[in-house]
Amino acid sequence: MYFHTPSLKGACAELTQEESEVFFPPPEGGSGWKKAVAICDTCEIREKCLEWGLQRESKGDRYGIFGGLTAPQREKRYG
């Protein structure tokens, strides 16, 4: 689902499909994203996940939380 390889597994790897929905909060906002960021804060591959998310964005896919950052936060930080 997220950035995973056989040797790298993120903190989100063991979440159920329902639990992982916090990484894709509704466009109208809400506070669900805070739970996703808390999970990212414990992740050993957070930087790799962020890189992967930025690569997805470069292809036009801006939706979701990657490496602990929302799309607006990534936009602000990386343009």
PDB file of N, CA and C in Angstrom:
ATOM      1  N   MET A   1       0.828  -1.192   0.000  1.00  0.00           N
ATOM      2  CA  MET A   1       0.000   0.000   0.000  1.00  0.00           C
ATOM      3  C   MET A   1       0.867   1.249   0.000  1.00  0.00           C
ATOM      4  N   TYR A   2       1.824   1.323   0.882  1.00  0.00           N
ATOM      5  CA  TYR A   2       2.726   2.460   0.943  1.00  0.00           C
ATOM      6  C   TYR A   2       4.093   2.016   0.496  1.00  0.00           C
ATOM      7  N   PHE A   3       5.098   2.749   0.877  1.00  0.00           N
ATOM      8  CA  PHE A   3       6.456   2.417   0.484  1.00  0.00           C
ATOM      9  C   PHE A   3       6.925   1.207   1.277  1.00  0.00           C
ATOM     10  N   HIS A   4       6.911   0.063   0.638  1.00  0.00           N
ATOM     11  CA  HIS A   4       7.374  -1.167   1.270  1.00  0.00           C
ATOM     12  C   HIS A   4       8.173  -1.968   0.258  1.00  0.00           C
ATOM     13  N   THR A   5       9.233  -2.562   0.718  1.00  0.00           N
ATOM     14  CA  THR A   5       9.994  -3.517  -0.068  1.00  0.00           C
ATOM     15  C   THR A   5      10.160  -4.735   0.832  1.00  0.00           C
ATOM     16  N   PRO A   6      10.670  -5.830   0.313  1.00  0.00           N
ATOM     17  CA  PRO A   6      10.855  -6.996   1.196  1.00  0.00           C
ATOM     18  C   PRO A   6      11.714  -6.698   2.426  1.00  0.00           C
ATOM     19  N   SER A   7      12.654  -5.756   2.303  1.00  0.00           N
ATOM     20  CA  SER A   7      13.539  -5.473   3.441  1.00  0.00           C
ATOM     21  C   SER A   7      13.128  -4.235   4.239  1.00  0.00           C
ATOM     22  N   LEU A   8      12.210  -3.434   3.714  1.00  0.00           N
ATOM     23  CA  LEU A   8      11.762  -2.225   4.412  1.00  0.00           C
ATOM     24  C   LEU A   8      10.259  -2.256   4.584  1.00  0.00           C
ATOM     25  N   LYS A   9       9.815  -2.157   5.802  1.00  0.00           N
ATOM     26  CA  LYS A   9       8.375  -2.102   6.067  1.00  0.00           C
ATOM     27  C   LYS A   9       8.112  -0.932   7.002  1.00  0.00           C
ATOM     28  N   GLY A  10       7.170  -0.108   6.613  1.00  0.00           N
ATOM     29  CA  GLY A  10       6.821   1.052   7.407  1.00  0.00           C
ATOM     30  C   GLY A  10       5.945   0.685   8.595  1.00  0.00           C
ATOM     31  N   ALA A  11       5.784   1.658   9.480  1.00  0.00           N
ATOM     32  CA  ALA A  11       4.943   1.471  10.661  1.00  0.00           C
ATOM     33  C   ALA A  11       3.496   1.190  10.269  1.00  0.00           C
ATOM     34  N   CYS A  12       3.115   1.559   9.062  1.00  0.00           N
ATOM     35  CA  CYS A  12       1.746   1.349   8.588  1.00  0.00           C
ATOM     36  C   CYS A  12       1.541  -0.036   7.967  1.00  0.00           C
ATOM     37  N   ALA A  13       2.600  -0.803   7.839  1.00  0.00           N
ATOM     38  CA  ALA A  13       2.529  -2.074   7.113  1.00  0.00           C
ATOM     39  C   ALA A  13       1.536  -3.070   7.705  1.00  0.00           C
ATOM     40  N   GLU A  14       1.366  -3.057   8.988  1.00  0.00           N
ATOM     41  CA  GLU A  14       0.504  -4.047   9.636  1.00  0.00           C
ATOM     42  C   GLU A  14      -0.928  -3.561   9.865  1.00  0.00           C
ATOM     43  N   LEU A  15      -1.243  -2.366   9.383  1.00  0.00           N
ATOM     44  CA  LEU A  15      -2.591  -1.839   9.568  1.00  0.00           C
ATOM     45  C   LEU A  15      -3.578  -2.546   8.646  1.00  0.00           C
ATOM     46  N   THR A  16      -4.808  -2.653   9.107  1.00  0.00           N
ATOM     47  CA  THR A  16      -5.862  -3.182   8.245  1.00  0.00           C
ATOM     48  C   THR A  16      -6.230  -2.119   7.216  1.00  0.00           C
ATOM     49  N   GLN A  17      -6.972  -2.515   6.201  1.00  0.00           N
ATOM     50  CA  GLN A  17      -7.428  -1.564   5.187  1.00  0.00           C
ATOM     51  C   GLN A  17      -8.205  -0.426   5.841  1.00  0.00           C
ATOM     52  N   GLU A  18      -9.076  -0.764   6.760  1.00  0.00           N
ATOM     53  CA  GLU A  18      -9.875   0.254   7.440  1.00  0.00           C
ATOM     54  C   GLU A  18      -8.993   1.199   8.252  1.00  0.00           C
ATOM     55  N   GLU A  19      -8.039   0.642   8.976  1.00  0.00           N
ATOM     56  CA  GLU A  19      -7.136   1.471   9.790  1.00  0.00           C
ATOM     57  C   GLU A  19      -6.285   2.394   8.916  1.00  0.00           C
ATOM     58  N   SER A  20      -5.903   1.927   7.744  1.00  0.00           N
ATOM     59  CA  SER A  20      -5.025   2.710   6.873  1.00  0.00           C
ATOM     60  C   SER A  20      -5.746   3.873   6.195  1.00  0.00           C
ATOM     61  N   GLU A  21      -7.050   3.925   6.315  1.00  0.00           N
ATOM     62  CA  GLU A  21      -7.805   5.022   5.712  1.00  0.00           C
ATOM     63  C   GLU A  21      -7.437   6.377   6.301  1.00  0.00           C
ATOM     64  N   VAL A  22      -6.835   6.398   7.494  1.00  0.00           N
ATOM     65  CA  VAL A  22      -6.426   7.674   8.093  1.00  0.00           C
ATOM     66  C   VAL A  22      -5.364   8.372   7.251  1.00  0.00           C
ATOM     67  N   PHE A  23      -4.671   7.621   6.377  1.00  0.00           N
ATOM     68  CA  PHE A  23      -3.650   8.218   5.519  1.00  0.00           C
ATOM     69  C   PHE A  23      -4.247   8.909   4.296  1.00  0.00           C
ATOM     70  N   PHE A  24      -5.548   8.756   4.124  1.00  0.00           N
ATOM     71  CA  PHE A  24      -6.247   9.375   3.004  1.00  0.00           C
ATOM     72  C   PHE A  24      -7.510  10.068   3.525  1.00  0.00           C
ATOM     73  N   PRO A  25      -7.311  11.162   4.275  1.00  0.00           N
ATOM     74  CA  PRO A  25      -8.456  11.859   4.872  1.00  0.00           C
ATOM     75  C   PRO A  25      -9.319  12.513   3.794  1.00  0.00           C
ATOM     76  N   PRO A  26     -10.581  12.766   4.118  1.00  0.00           N
ATOM     77  CA  PRO A  26     -11.471  13.403   3.143  1.00  0.00           C
ATOM     78  C   PRO A  26     -10.967  14.808   2.805  1.00  0.00           C
ATOM     79  N   PRO A  27     -11.204  15.253   1.571  1.00  0.00           N
ATOM     80  CA  PRO A  27     -10.723  16.572   1.138  1.00  0.00           C
ATOM     81  C   PRO A  27     -11.231  17.722   2.002  1.00  0.00           C
ATOM     82  N   GLU A  28     -12.399  17.549   2.605  1.00  0.00           N
ATOM     83  CA  GLU A  28     -12.954  18.636   3.411  1.00  0.00           C
ATOM     84  C   GLU A  28     -12.253  18.786   4.756  1.00  0.00           C
ATOM     85  N   GLY A  29     -11.289  17.942   5.032  1.00  0.00           N
ATOM     86  CA  GLY A  29     -10.494  18.095   6.248  1.00  0.00           C
ATOM     87  C   GLY A  29     -10.944  17.168   7.362  1.00  0.00           C
ATOM     88  N   GLY A  30     -10.844  17.650   8.566  1.00  0.00           N
ATOM     89  CA  GLY A  30     -11.116  16.832   9.727  1.00  0.00           C
ATOM     90  C   GLY A  30      -9.805  16.572  10.460  1.00  0.00           C
ATOM     91  N   SER A  31      -9.879  15.803  11.512  1.00  0.00           N
ATOM     92  CA  SER A  31      -8.685  15.588  12.327  1.00  0.00           C
ATOM     93  C   SER A  31      -8.099  14.188  12.173  1.00  0.00           C
ATOM     94  N   GLY A  32      -8.639  13.374  11.267  1.00  0.00           N
ATOM     95  CA  GLY A  32      -8.134  12.017  11.080  1.00  0.00           C
ATOM     96  C   GLY A  32      -6.666  11.962  10.700  1.00  0.00           C
ATOM     97  N   TRP A  33      -6.196  12.972   9.981  1.00  0.00           N
ATOM     98  CA  TRP A  33      -4.808  12.996   9.540  1.00  0.00           C
ATOM     99  C   TRP A  33      -3.834  13.012  10.707  1.00  0.00           C
ATOM    100  N   LYS A  34      -4.263  13.514  11.857  1.00  0.00           N
ATOM    101  CA  LYS A  34      -3.377  13.568  13.026  1.00  0.00           C
ATOM    102  C   LYS A  34      -2.976  12.165  13.483  1.00  0.00           C
ATOM    103  N   LYS A  35      -3.891  11.215  13.359  1.00  0.00           N
ATOM    104  CA  LYS A  35      -3.579   9.832  13.715  1.00  0.00           C
ATOM    105  C   LYS A  35      -2.532   9.263  12.755  1.00  0.00           C
ATOM    106  N   ALA A  36      -2.656   9.579  11.468  1.00  0.00           N
ATOM    107  CA  ALA A  36      -1.679   9.116  10.484  1.00  0.00           C
ATOM    108  C   ALA A  36      -0.298   9.692  10.779  1.00  0.00           C
ATOM    109  N   VAL A  37      -0.242  10.972  11.090  1.00  0.00           N
ATOM    110  CA  VAL A  37       1.040  11.612  11.389  1.00  0.00           C
ATOM    111  C   VAL A  37       1.663  10.992  12.639  1.00  0.00           C
ATOM    112  N   ALA A  38       0.849  10.644  13.628  1.00  0.00           N
ATOM    113  CA  ALA A  38       1.367   9.996  14.837  1.00  0.00           C
ATOM    114  C   ALA A  38       1.991   8.638  14.500  1.00  0.00           C
ATOM    115  N   ILE A  39       1.386   7.915  13.574  1.00  0.00           N
ATOM    116  CA  ILE A  39       1.953   6.632  13.132  1.00  0.00           C
ATOM    117  C   ILE A  39       3.268   6.887  12.405  1.00  0.00           C
ATOM    118  N   CYS A  40       3.289   7.875  11.527  1.00  0.00           N
ATOM    119  CA  CYS A  40       4.514   8.210  10.791  1.00  0.00           C
ATOM    120  C   CYS A  40       5.643   8.615  11.740  1.00  0.00           C
ATOM    121  N   ASP A  41       5.294   9.272  12.827  1.00  0.00           N
ATOM    122  CA  ASP A  41       6.309   9.707  13.791  1.00  0.00           C
ATOM    123  C   ASP A  41       7.076   8.543  14.397  1.00  0.00           C
ATOM    124  N   THR A  42       6.496   7.350  14.366  1.00  0.00           N
ATOM    125  CA  THR A  42       7.156   6.170  14.940  1.00  0.00           C
ATOM    126  C   THR A  42       7.875   5.336  13.883  1.00  0.00           C
ATOM    127  N   CYS A  43       7.832   5.762  12.638  1.00  0.00           N
ATOM    128  CA  CYS A  43       8.291   4.933  11.526  1.00  0.00           C
ATOM    129  C   CYS A  43       9.784   5.100  11.236  1.00  0.00           C
ATOM    130  N   GLU A  44      10.428   3.967  11.043  1.00  0.00           N
ATOM    131  CA  GLU A  44      11.862   3.964  10.747  1.00  0.00           C
ATOM    132  C   GLU A  44      12.171   4.347   9.305  1.00  0.00           C
ATOM    133  N   ILE A  45      11.202   4.257   8.415  1.00  0.00           N
ATOM    134  CA  ILE A  45      11.460   4.569   7.004  1.00  0.00           C
ATOM    135  C   ILE A  45      10.692   5.814   6.553  1.00  0.00           C
ATOM    136  N   ARG A  46      10.437   6.693   7.477  1.00  0.00           N
ATOM    137  CA  ARG A  46       9.659   7.901   7.201  1.00  0.00           C
ATOM    138  C   ARG A  46      10.228   8.706   6.025  1.00  0.00           C
ATOM    139  N   GLU A  47      11.531   8.906   5.995  1.00  0.00           N
ATOM    140  CA  GLU A  47      12.141   9.692   4.919  1.00  0.00           C
ATOM    141  C   GLU A  47      11.972   9.014   3.556  1.00  0.00           C
ATOM    142  N   LYS A  48      12.120   7.700   3.511  1.00  0.00           N
ATOM    143  CA  LYS A  48      11.922   6.960   2.254  1.00  0.00           C
ATOM    144  C   LYS A  48      10.477   7.087   1.790  1.00  0.00           C
ATOM    145  N   CYS A  49       9.559   7.009   2.724  1.00  0.00           N
ATOM    146  CA  CYS A  49       8.137   7.131   2.397  1.00  0.00           C
ATOM    147  C   CYS A  49       7.849   8.531   1.849  1.00  0.00           C
ATOM    148  N   LEU A  50       8.449   9.546   2.456  1.00  0.00           N
ATOM    149  CA  LEU A  50       8.265  10.907   1.972  1.00  0.00           C
ATOM    150  C   LEU A  50       8.807  11.041   0.549  1.00  0.00           C
ATOM    151  N   GLU A  51       9.981  10.477   0.287  1.00  0.00           N
ATOM    152  CA  GLU A  51      10.538  10.488  -1.064  1.00  0.00           C
ATOM    153  C   GLU A  51       9.559   9.856  -2.050  1.00  0.00           C
ATOM    154  N   TRP A  52       9.005   8.723  -1.652  1.00  0.00           N
ATOM    155  CA  TRP A  52       8.055   8.015  -2.502  1.00  0.00           C
ATOM    156  C   TRP A  52       6.815   8.880  -2.755  1.00  0.00           C
ATOM    157  N   GLY A  53       6.323   9.530  -1.698  1.00  0.00           N
ATOM    158  CA  GLY A  53       5.171  10.413  -1.844  1.00  0.00           C
ATOM    159  C   GLY A  53       5.456  11.582  -2.770  1.00  0.00           C
ATOM    160  N   LEU A  54       6.660  12.136  -2.686  1.00  0.00           N
ATOM    161  CA  LEU A  54       7.029  13.246  -3.565  1.00  0.00           C
ATOM    162  C   LEU A  54       7.133  12.778  -5.014  1.00  0.00           C
ATOM    163  N   GLN A  55       7.590  11.559  -5.222  1.00  0.00           N
ATOM    164  CA  GLN A  55       7.629  11.003  -6.579  1.00  0.00           C
ATOM    165  C   GLN A  55       6.218  10.848  -7.129  1.00  0.00           C
ATOM    166  N   ARG A  56       5.299  10.380  -6.287  1.00  0.00           N
ATOM    167  CA  ARG A  56       3.897  10.248  -6.709  1.00  0.00           C
ATOM    168  C   ARG A  56       3.333  11.607  -7.085  1.00  0.00           C
ATOM    169  N   GLU A  57       3.665  12.620  -6.271  1.00  0.00           N
ATOM    170  CA  GLU A  57       3.172  13.969  -6.553  1.00  0.00           C
ATOM    171  C   GLU A  57       3.670  14.482  -7.878  1.00  0.00           C
ATOM    172  N   SER A  58       4.917  14.187  -8.210  1.00  0.00           N
ATOM    173  CA  SER A  58       5.473  14.655  -9.471  1.00  0.00           C
ATOM    174  C   SER A  58       4.721  14.062 -10.661  1.00  0.00           C
ATOM    175  N   LYS A  59       3.980  12.986 -10.425  1.00  0.00           N
ATOM    176  CA  LYS A  59       3.178  12.357 -11.471  1.00  0.00           C
ATOM    177  C   LYS A  59       1.712  12.767 -11.383  1.00  0.00           C
ATOM    178  N   GLY A  60       1.420  13.751 -10.498  1.00  0.00           N
ATOM    179  CA  GLY A  60       0.071  14.284 -10.396  1.00  0.00           C
ATOM    180  C   GLY A  60      -0.787  13.691  -9.300  1.00  0.00           C
ATOM    181  N   ASP A  61      -0.258  12.767  -8.515  1.00  0.00           N
ATOM    182  CA  ASP A  61      -1.031  12.142  -7.442  1.00  0.00           C
ATOM    183  C   ASP A  61      -0.681  12.804  -6.118  1.00  0.00           C
ATOM    184  N   ARG A  62      -1.483  13.777  -5.710  1.00  0.00           N
ATOM    185  CA  ARG A  62      -1.177  14.571  -4.524  1.00  0.00           C
ATOM    186  C   ARG A  62      -1.912  14.099  -3.272  1.00  0.00           C
ATOM    187  N   TYR A  63      -2.770  13.137  -3.393  1.00  0.00           N
ATOM    188  CA  TYR A  63      -3.642  12.750  -2.297  1.00  0.00           C
ATOM    189  C   TYR A  63      -2.941  11.817  -1.322  1.00  0.00           C
ATOM    190  N   GLY A  64      -3.104  12.053  -0.045  1.00  0.00           N
ATOM    191  CA  GLY A  64      -2.584  11.150   0.968  1.00  0.00           C
ATOM    192  C   GLY A  64      -1.481  11.756   1.813  1.00  0.00           C
ATOM    193  N   ILE A  65      -1.204  11.066   2.905  1.00  0.00           N
ATOM    194  CA  ILE A  65      -0.157  11.466   3.843  1.00  0.00           C
ATOM    195  C   ILE A  65       1.013  10.520   3.649  1.00  0.00           C
ATOM    196  N   PHE A  66       2.170  11.088   3.382  1.00  0.00           N
ATOM    197  CA  PHE A  66       3.388  10.308   3.158  1.00  0.00           C
ATOM    198  C   PHE A  66       4.515  10.919   3.966  1.00  0.00           C
ATOM    199  N   GLY A  67       5.231  10.089   4.693  1.00  0.00           N
ATOM    200  CA  GLY A  67       6.337  10.580   5.501  1.00  0.00           C
ATOM    201  C   GLY A  67       5.902  11.560   6.568  1.00  0.00           C
ATOM    202  N   GLY A  68       4.634  11.485   6.962  1.00  0.00           N
ATOM    203  CA  GLY A  68       4.122  12.347   8.015  1.00  0.00           C
ATOM    204  C   GLY A  68       3.654  13.712   7.552  1.00  0.00           C
ATOM    205  N   LEU A  69       3.615  13.944   6.238  1.00  0.00           N
ATOM    206  CA  LEU A  69       3.190  15.248   5.726  1.00  0.00           C
ATOM    207  C   LEU A  69       1.957  15.119   4.843  1.00  0.00           C
ATOM    208  N   THR A  70       1.052  16.050   5.010  1.00  0.00           N
ATOM    209  CA  THR A  70      -0.123  16.129   4.148  1.00  0.00           C
ATOM    210  C   THR A  70       0.284  16.786   2.831  1.00  0.00           C
ATOM    211  N   ALA A  71      -0.573  16.736   1.836  1.00  0.00           N
ATOM    212  CA  ALA A  71      -0.274  17.363   0.548  1.00  0.00           C
ATOM    213  C   ALA A  71       0.010  18.856   0.691  1.00  0.00           C
ATOM    214  N   PRO A  72      -0.813  19.615   1.439  1.00  0.00           N
ATOM    215  CA  PRO A  72      -0.502  21.048   1.603  1.00  0.00           C
ATOM    216  C   PRO A  72       0.839  21.278   2.320  1.00  0.00           C
ATOM    217  N   GLN A  73       1.173  20.426   3.277  1.00  0.00           N
ATOM    218  CA  GLN A  73       2.454  20.578   3.965  1.00  0.00           C
ATOM    219  C   GLN A  73       3.613  20.286   3.019  1.00  0.00           C
ATOM    220  N   ARG A  74       3.472  19.256   2.178  1.00  0.00           N
ATOM    221  CA  ARG A  74       4.518  18.953   1.191  1.00  0.00           C
ATOM    222  C   ARG A  74       4.664  20.098   0.204  1.00  0.00           C
ATOM    223  N   GLU A  75       3.538  20.652  -0.226  1.00  0.00           N
ATOM    224  CA  GLU A  75       3.559  21.777  -1.171  1.00  0.00           C
ATOM    225  C   GLU A  75       4.308  22.972  -0.553  1.00  0.00           C
ATOM    226  N   LYS A  76       3.991  23.269   0.690  1.00  0.00           N
ATOM    227  CA  LYS A  76       4.628  24.405   1.373  1.00  0.00           C
ATOM    228  C   LYS A  76       6.133  24.171   1.530  1.00  0.00           C
ATOM    229  N   ARG A  77       6.514  22.960   1.873  1.00  0.00           N
ATOM    230  CA  ARG A  77       7.913  22.656   2.153  1.00  0.00           C
ATOM    231  C   ARG A  77       8.748  22.454   0.883  1.00  0.00           C
ATOM    232  N   TYR A  78       8.177  21.808  -0.117  1.00  0.00           N
ATOM    233  CA  TYR A  78       8.961  21.428  -1.290  1.00  0.00           C
ATOM    234  C   TYR A  78       8.524  22.102  -2.593  1.00  0.00           C
ATOM    235  N   GLY A  79       7.443  22.895  -2.483  1.00  0.00           N
ATOM    236  CA  GLY A  79       6.983  23.627  -3.665  1.00  0.00           C
ATOM    237  C   GLY A  79       6.370  22.774  -4.641  1.00  0.00           C
TER     238      GLY A  79
END
